[in-house]
C-alpha cells in the first residue's frame, strides 16, 4: 500500500500500535517510509527491508 502522507519528513521504519483496550495487544505493525522517488536515503541504501515483529 502506498499513500501520500504530507507532513512526514523522515525515512525508515516506524512502529505503530493501538492505544485502546484489547486492541493494544492485537493491533500493531511496522510502517516503512521510503524516500520520495528520485531522492536518496540520508544514509547508505540498505540491501533489503526485512520487518521483524516480536
Protein backbone atom coordinates (compact mmCIF):
# COMPACT_ATOMS: atom_id res chain seq x y z
CA UNK A 1 0.00 0.00 0.00
CA UNK A 2 1.37 3.41 -0.90
CA UNK A 3 -0.17 6.61 0.44
CA UNK A 4 0.69 10.27 0.16
CA UNK A 5 1.24 11.38 3.75
CA UNK A 6 2.03 15.08 3.84
CA UNK A 7 3.95 16.23 6.89
CA UNK A 8 6.08 13.09 7.24
CA UNK A 9 9.69 14.13 6.68
CA UNK A 10 11.65 11.03 7.63
CA UNK A 11 12.54 7.70 6.10
CA UNK A 12 12.90 4.36 7.85
CA UNK A 13 10.75 2.01 9.87
CA UNK A 14 8.28 3.49 12.31
CA UNK A 15 6.33 1.45 14.89
CA UNK A 16 2.57 1.89 15.19
CA UNK A 17 0.15 0.33 17.66
CA UNK A 18 -3.33 0.76 19.12
CA UNK A 19 -3.98 2.62 22.37
CA UNK A 20 -7.33 1.19 23.50
CA UNK A 21 -8.36 -1.89 25.44
CA UNK A 22 -7.97 -5.31 23.80
CA UNK A 23 -6.59 -3.81 20.58
CA UNK A 24 -3.41 -2.81 22.42
CA UNK A 25 -2.15 -6.42 22.36
CA UNK A 26 -3.53 -7.38 18.94
CA UNK A 27 -3.10 -4.45 16.55
CA UNK A 28 0.48 -3.45 15.80
CA UNK A 29 2.97 -3.42 12.96
CA UNK A 30 5.77 -1.70 11.12
CA UNK A 31 5.30 1.22 8.75
CA UNK A 32 8.15 1.54 6.25
CA UNK A 33 8.56 5.02 4.78
CA UNK A 34 10.66 5.16 1.62
CA UNK A 35 12.32 8.30 0.24
CA UNK A 36 10.44 10.16 -2.48
CA UNK A 37 11.09 8.87 -5.99
CA UNK A 38 14.33 10.37 -7.26
CA UNK A 39 15.64 11.09 -3.74
CA UNK A 40 18.17 9.05 -1.78
CA UNK A 41 18.32 7.85 1.80
CA UNK A 42 20.23 10.10 4.26
CA UNK A 43 22.40 7.02 4.95
CA UNK A 44 23.81 4.19 2.79
CA UNK A 45 20.96 2.43 0.97
CA UNK A 46 20.05 -0.84 2.73
CA UNK A 47 20.30 -4.10 0.79
CA UNK A 48 16.74 -5.06 1.75
CA UNK A 49 13.86 -4.26 4.09
CA UNK A 50 13.12 -7.12 6.49
CA UNK A 51 10.49 -6.12 9.06
CA UNK A 52 10.65 -8.34 12.16
CA UNK A 53 7.87 -8.05 14.74
CA UNK A 54 8.39 -9.90 18.01
